C-alpha atoms as a PDB file:
ATOM      1  CA  ARG A   1      40.552  55.857  18.596  1.00  0.00           C
ATOM      2  CA  VAL A   2      41.068  55.410  14.870  1.00  0.00           C
ATOM      3  CA  LEU A   3      43.806  57.198  12.955  1.00  0.00           C
ATOM      4  CA  PRO A   4      43.222  58.353   9.385  1.00  0.00           C
ATOM      5  CA  ASN A   5      44.798  56.212   6.685  1.00  0.00           C
ATOM      6  CA  TRP A   6      47.369  58.886   5.783  1.00  0.00           C
ATOM      7  CA  LEU A   7      48.743  58.673   9.335  1.00  0.00           C
ATOM      8  CA  LEU A   8      48.577  54.893   9.510  1.00  0.00           C
ATOM      9  CA  ASN A   9      50.232  54.399   6.110  1.00  0.00           C
ATOM     10  CA  PRO A  10      52.231  57.509   5.239  1.00  0.00           C
ATOM     11  CA  ASP A  11      54.035  57.948   1.949  1.00  0.00           C
ATOM     12  CA  VAL A  12      57.719  58.043   2.798  1.00  0.00           C
ATOM     13  CA  ALA A  13      60.037  59.503   0.207  1.00  0.00           C
ATOM     14  CA  GLU A  14      63.761  60.015   0.210  1.00  0.00           C
ATOM     15  CA  ILE A  15      65.816  61.740  -2.466  1.00  0.00           C
ATOM     16  CA  ASP A  16      69.555  62.183  -2.697  1.00  0.00           C
ATOM     17  CA  TYR A  17      69.788  65.969  -3.024  1.00  0.00           C
ATOM     18  CA  LEU A  18      73.145  66.074  -4.769  1.00  0.00           C
ATOM     19  CA  ALA A  19      72.388  63.273  -7.229  1.00  0.00           C
ATOM     20  CA  ASN A  20      68.957  64.435  -8.372  1.00  0.00           C
ATOM     21  CA  GLN A  21      68.776  68.217  -8.421  1.00  0.00           C
ATOM     22  CA  LEU A  22      65.726  69.745 -10.083  1.00  0.00           C
ATOM     23  CA  PRO A  23      66.178  73.230 -11.574  1.00  0.00           C
ATOM     24  CA  VAL A  24      63.502  75.735 -10.559  1.00  0.00           C
ATOM     25  CA  THR A  25      62.375  76.113 -14.190  1.00  0.00           C
ATOM     26  CA  GLN A  26      61.662  72.384 -14.539  1.00  0.00           C
ATOM     27  CA  MET A  27      59.034  71.932 -11.801  1.00  0.00           C
ATOM     28  CA  GLU A  28      56.104  70.491 -13.727  1.00  0.00           C
ATOM     29  CA  GLY A  29      52.838  72.313 -13.145  1.00  0.00           C
ATOM     30  CA  LEU A  30      54.315  75.342 -11.393  1.00  0.00           C
ATOM     31  CA  ASP A  31      53.381  78.644 -13.031  1.00  0.00           C
ATOM     32  CA  THR A  32      56.182  80.367 -14.969  1.00  0.00           C
ATOM     33  CA  VAL A  33      55.447  83.630 -13.143  1.00  0.00           C
ATOM     34  CA  LEU A  34      56.445  81.896  -9.901  1.00  0.00           C
ATOM     35  CA  THR A  35      59.487  80.127 -11.343  1.00  0.00           C
ATOM     36  CA  ASP A  36      60.713  83.372 -12.928  1.00  0.00           C
ATOM     37  CA  LYS A  37      60.348  85.160  -9.583  1.00  0.00           C
ATOM     38  CA  LEU A  38      62.234  82.362  -7.799  1.00  0.00           C
ATOM     39  CA  GLN A  39      65.078  82.666 -10.302  1.00  0.00           C
ATOM     40  CA  LYS A  40      65.231  86.431  -9.800  1.00  0.00           C
ATOM     41  CA  LEU A  41      65.464  85.791  -6.049  1.00  0.00           C
ATOM     42  CA  GLY A  42      68.461  83.500  -6.632  1.00  0.00           C
ATOM     43  CA  PHE A  43      66.845  80.059  -6.364  1.00  0.00           C
ATOM     44  CA  LYS A  44      68.518  77.566  -8.699  1.00  0.00           C
ATOM     45  CA  HIS A  45      67.263  74.150  -7.538  1.00  0.00           C
ATOM     46  CA  PHE A  46      64.439  72.846  -5.401  1.00  0.00           C
ATOM     47  CA  PHE A  47      65.230  71.050  -2.150  1.00  0.00           C
ATOM     48  CA  PRO A  48      64.098  67.388  -1.900  1.00  0.00           C
ATOM     49  CA  VAL A  49      61.051  68.180   0.243  1.00  0.00           C
ATOM     50  CA  GLN A  50      59.925  70.792  -2.308  1.00  0.00           C
ATOM     51  CA  ARG A  51      60.431  68.389  -5.208  1.00  0.00           C
ATOM     52  CA  GLN A  52      58.197  65.860  -3.479  1.00  0.00           C
ATOM     53  CA  ILE A  53      55.474  68.052  -1.971  1.00  0.00           C
ATOM     54  CA  ILE A  54      54.835  70.718  -4.639  1.00  0.00           C
ATOM     55  CA  PRO A  55      53.595  68.229  -7.302  1.00  0.00           C
ATOM     56  CA  ILE A  56      51.298  66.567  -4.738  1.00  0.00           C
ATOM     57  CA  LEU A  57      49.769  69.905  -3.780  1.00  0.00           C
ATOM     58  CA  LEU A  58      49.367  71.020  -7.396  1.00  0.00           C
ATOM     59  CA  LYS A  59      47.410  67.884  -8.364  1.00  0.00           C
ATOM     60  CA  ASN A  60      43.631  68.042  -8.455  1.00  0.00           C
ATOM     61  CA  HIS A  61      42.265  65.830  -5.703  1.00  0.00           C
ATOM     62  CA  VAL A  62      38.907  64.124  -5.337  1.00  0.00           C
ATOM     63  CA  TYR A  63      38.739  65.270  -1.717  1.00  0.00           C
ATOM     64  CA  ARG A  64      39.432  68.974  -1.474  1.00  0.00           C
ATOM     65  CA  PRO A  65      40.589  70.307   0.836  1.00  0.00           C
ATOM     66  CA  HIS A  66      42.936  67.559   1.927  1.00  0.00           C
ATOM     67  CA  ASP A  67      45.632  67.168   4.553  1.00  0.00           C
ATOM     68  CA  VAL A  68      49.356  66.979   3.914  1.00  0.00           C
ATOM     69  CA  CYS A  69      51.706  66.275   6.794  1.00  0.00           C
ATOM     70  CA  VAL A  70      55.435  66.746   6.231  1.00  0.00           C
ATOM     71  CA  SER A  71      58.191  65.909   8.656  1.00  0.00           C
ATOM     72  CA  ALA A  72      61.597  67.291   7.685  1.00  0.00           C
ATOM     73  CA  PRO A  73      64.426  69.146   9.448  1.00  0.00           C
ATOM     74  CA  THR A  74      64.437  72.899   9.982  1.00  0.00           C
ATOM     75  CA  GLY A  75      65.747  74.668   6.885  1.00  0.00           C
ATOM     76  CA  SER A  76      64.738  71.875   4.511  1.00  0.00           C
ATOM     77  CA  GLY A  77      62.272  74.032   2.533  1.00  0.00           C
ATOM     78  CA  LYS A  78      58.901  72.957   3.930  1.00  0.00           C
ATOM     79  CA  THR A  79      57.431  76.465   4.052  1.00  0.00           C
ATOM     80  CA  LEU A  80      58.178  77.205   0.403  1.00  0.00           C
ATOM     81  CA  ALA A  81      56.841  73.751  -0.515  1.00  0.00           C
ATOM     82  CA  PHE A  82      53.457  74.737   0.949  1.00  0.00           C
ATOM     83  CA  VAL A  83      53.429  78.400  -0.054  1.00  0.00           C
ATOM     84  CA  LEU A  84      54.128  78.088  -3.790  1.00  0.00           C
ATOM     85  CA  PRO A  85      51.111  75.862  -4.577  1.00  0.00           C
ATOM     86  CA  ILE A  86      48.909  78.013  -2.324  1.00  0.00           C
ATOM     87  CA  ILE A  87      49.954  81.192  -4.138  1.00  0.00           C
ATOM     88  CA  GLN A  88      49.402  79.530  -7.503  1.00  0.00           C
ATOM     89  CA  ARG A  89      45.866  78.463  -6.562  1.00  0.00           C
ATOM     90  CA  LEU A  90      44.941  81.776  -4.929  1.00  0.00           C
ATOM     91  CA  LYS A  91      46.369  84.241  -7.451  1.00  0.00           C
ATOM     92  CA  SER A  92      43.232  84.191  -9.604  1.00  0.00           C
ATOM     93  CA  ARG A  93      40.712  84.204  -6.728  1.00  0.00           C
ATOM     94  CA  MET A  94      38.533  87.227  -6.189  1.00  0.00           C
ATOM     95  CA  VAL A  95      36.545  86.161  -3.107  1.00  0.00           C
ATOM     96  CA  PRO A  96      38.253  87.196   0.151  1.00  0.00           C
ATOM     97  CA  LYS A  97      37.903  83.987   2.201  1.00  0.00           C
ATOM     98  CA  VAL A  98      40.370  81.769   4.022  1.00  0.00           C
ATOM     99  CA  ARG A  99      41.524  79.216   1.466  1.00  0.00           C
ATOM    100  CA  ALA A 100      44.515  77.610   3.189  1.00  0.00           C
ATOM    101  CA  ILE A 101      45.843  77.012   6.669  1.00  0.00           C
ATOM    102  CA  VAL A 102      49.442  75.996   7.342  1.00  0.00           C
ATOM    103  CA  VAL A 103      50.118  74.844  10.898  1.00  0.00           C
ATOM    104  CA  SER A 104      53.690  74.851  12.121  1.00  0.00           C
ATOM    105  CA  PRO A 105      55.262  74.573  15.561  1.00  0.00           C
END
């Protein structure tokens, strides 16, 4: 059995949340409609997992679709990290097809 490279050699990232806070309005590549809505909902800063995953998901990739596997504690912001880029990509789509699948336990 052969594991894919992303499982054999995962990118591991750690950020000190208190030392490196990123305001919602400063997430590069995220649509201002989404950041404005987040601010209205009371979000001020992104959590570390969001700061790391959102830019990866917003990038154009040679292999689309592609897999992203995130391991982080409950309440760390994983769901929002997946949902925001999905909403941004889907908001201009007109064809009603499945475009994203998020698997969670």
